[in-house]
Structure formats: C-alpha cells, structure tokens
Protein backbone atom coordinates (compact mmCIF):
# COMPACT_ATOMS: atom_id res chain seq x y z
CA UNK A 1 -72.60 4.22 -30.27
CA UNK A 2 -76.29 3.71 -30.46
CA UNK A 3 -75.96 2.78 -34.08
CA UNK A 4 -73.20 0.01 -33.08
CA UNK A 5 -75.28 -1.09 -30.17
CA UNK A 6 -78.16 -1.59 -32.57
CA UNK A 7 -76.29 -3.52 -35.00
CA UNK A 8 -74.97 -5.85 -32.71
CA UNK A 9 -78.47 -6.30 -31.19
CA UNK A 10 -80.11 -6.82 -34.47
CA UNK A 11 -77.59 -9.35 -35.86
CA UNK A 12 -77.07 -11.46 -32.78
CA UNK A 13 -80.92 -11.80 -32.66
CA UNK A 14 -81.28 -12.85 -36.05
CA UNK A 15 -78.28 -15.54 -35.67
CA UNK A 16 -79.84 -16.96 -32.45
CA UNK A 17 -83.20 -17.17 -34.06
CA UNK A 18 -81.76 -18.42 -37.29
CA UNK A 19 -84.03 -16.02 -39.29
CA UNK A 20 -81.75 -16.40 -42.58
CA UNK A 21 -81.55 -12.63 -42.69
CA UNK A 22 -79.03 -9.92 -42.07
CA UNK A 23 -77.43 -10.42 -45.45
CA UNK A 24 -77.88 -9.49 -49.22
CA UNK A 25 -76.81 -13.12 -50.40
CA UNK A 26 -78.44 -15.07 -53.19
CA UNK A 27 -81.03 -17.25 -51.73
CA UNK A 28 -82.03 -15.01 -48.84
CA UNK A 29 -84.92 -12.61 -48.38
CA UNK A 30 -84.13 -9.24 -50.13
CA UNK A 31 -85.35 -7.09 -46.94
CA UNK A 32 -83.58 -3.69 -47.02
CA UNK A 33 -84.31 -0.12 -45.80
CA UNK A 34 -82.91 2.92 -47.29
CA UNK A 35 -82.64 5.65 -44.83
CA UNK A 36 -81.28 9.37 -45.42
CA UNK A 37 -79.97 10.39 -42.06
CA UNK A 38 -80.02 14.47 -43.44
CA UNK A 39 -83.46 14.80 -44.97
CA UNK A 40 -85.53 17.19 -42.94
CA UNK A 41 -89.27 16.78 -42.86
CA UNK A 42 -92.27 17.53 -40.83
CA UNK A 43 -94.74 14.90 -39.75
CA UNK A 44 -98.37 15.96 -40.34
CA UNK A 45 -101.91 14.11 -39.82
CA UNK A 46 -101.88 14.27 -43.82
CA UNK A 47 -98.48 12.42 -44.42
CA UNK A 48 -98.42 9.89 -41.90
CA UNK A 49 -99.32 6.39 -43.07
CA UNK A 50 -100.22 4.92 -39.51
CA UNK A 51 -104.06 5.22 -38.67
CA UNK A 52 -103.29 6.60 -35.29
CA UNK A 53 -102.43 10.26 -35.74
CA UNK A 54 -101.53 10.97 -31.86
CA UNK A 55 -97.98 11.40 -31.74
CA UNK A 56 -95.94 14.09 -29.68
CA UNK A 57 -93.97 14.94 -32.86
CA UNK A 58 -96.86 16.08 -35.13
CA UNK A 59 -96.02 19.14 -36.92
CA UNK A 60 -92.25 19.18 -35.43
CA UNK A 61 -89.50 19.28 -37.93
CA UNK A 62 -87.29 16.11 -37.85
CA UNK A 63 -84.16 15.09 -39.44
CA UNK A 64 -83.90 11.57 -41.05
CA UNK A 65 -86.16 9.71 -43.12
CA UNK A 66 -86.91 6.08 -44.63
CA UNK A 67 -87.03 6.58 -48.30
CA UNK A 68 -87.61 3.13 -49.57
CA UNK A 69 -88.47 -0.32 -48.04
CA UNK A 70 -87.92 -3.61 -49.68
CA UNK A 71 -89.35 -7.21 -48.41
CA UNK A 72 -88.43 -10.26 -50.32
CA UNK A 73 -87.01 -7.78 -53.06
CA UNK A 74 -90.40 -5.97 -53.69
CA UNK A 75 -90.70 -2.32 -52.99
CA UNK A 76 -93.42 -2.16 -50.42
CA UNK A 77 -92.83 1.70 -49.37
CA UNK A 78 -91.46 4.59 -51.26
CA UNK A 79 -91.30 8.33 -49.93
CA UNK A 80 -92.74 10.72 -52.52
CA UNK A 81 -91.64 13.85 -50.98
C-alpha cells in the first residue's frame, strides 16, 4: 500500500511540475535507482556516506539497500558490499 501511494505521489508531482522524468524513454534524463529490498546490512559510522553520523539506526541491522544510482545515465553511486 505504501509503495503504491509513493508511486502515485511521485509521478503526479513530476507531471504537475513538467519535470520530463519518470520514464526511461529516449531523450529524457536517465535517472534510476537499483534497490534490493532483501539485502541485509548494518549502518556504521564507517559505511555511512553522510558527513552526519548521528542516526538512531547506527549499528542496527536493516533490510533493503540501494545498490546503484544513475543520474543522466551516469553511475553516481555503487554499493561495494
């Protein structure tokens, strides 16, 4: 249910703002996130990319991880776990 609501909100906002995204069509920005909902990992101060390390989730096992992010067709993040 949450995923469906997120999809609706995200794509409606992109249409309203005429951002030209939300599709992997020729000529549009190639922005995509590759996410593994089953990958288990633990955030630590060493593996967080943010300069701020103050999170209540530090050292707590989590499930779900972004594996790769592409912006304009270029890899800007790749998980090396």
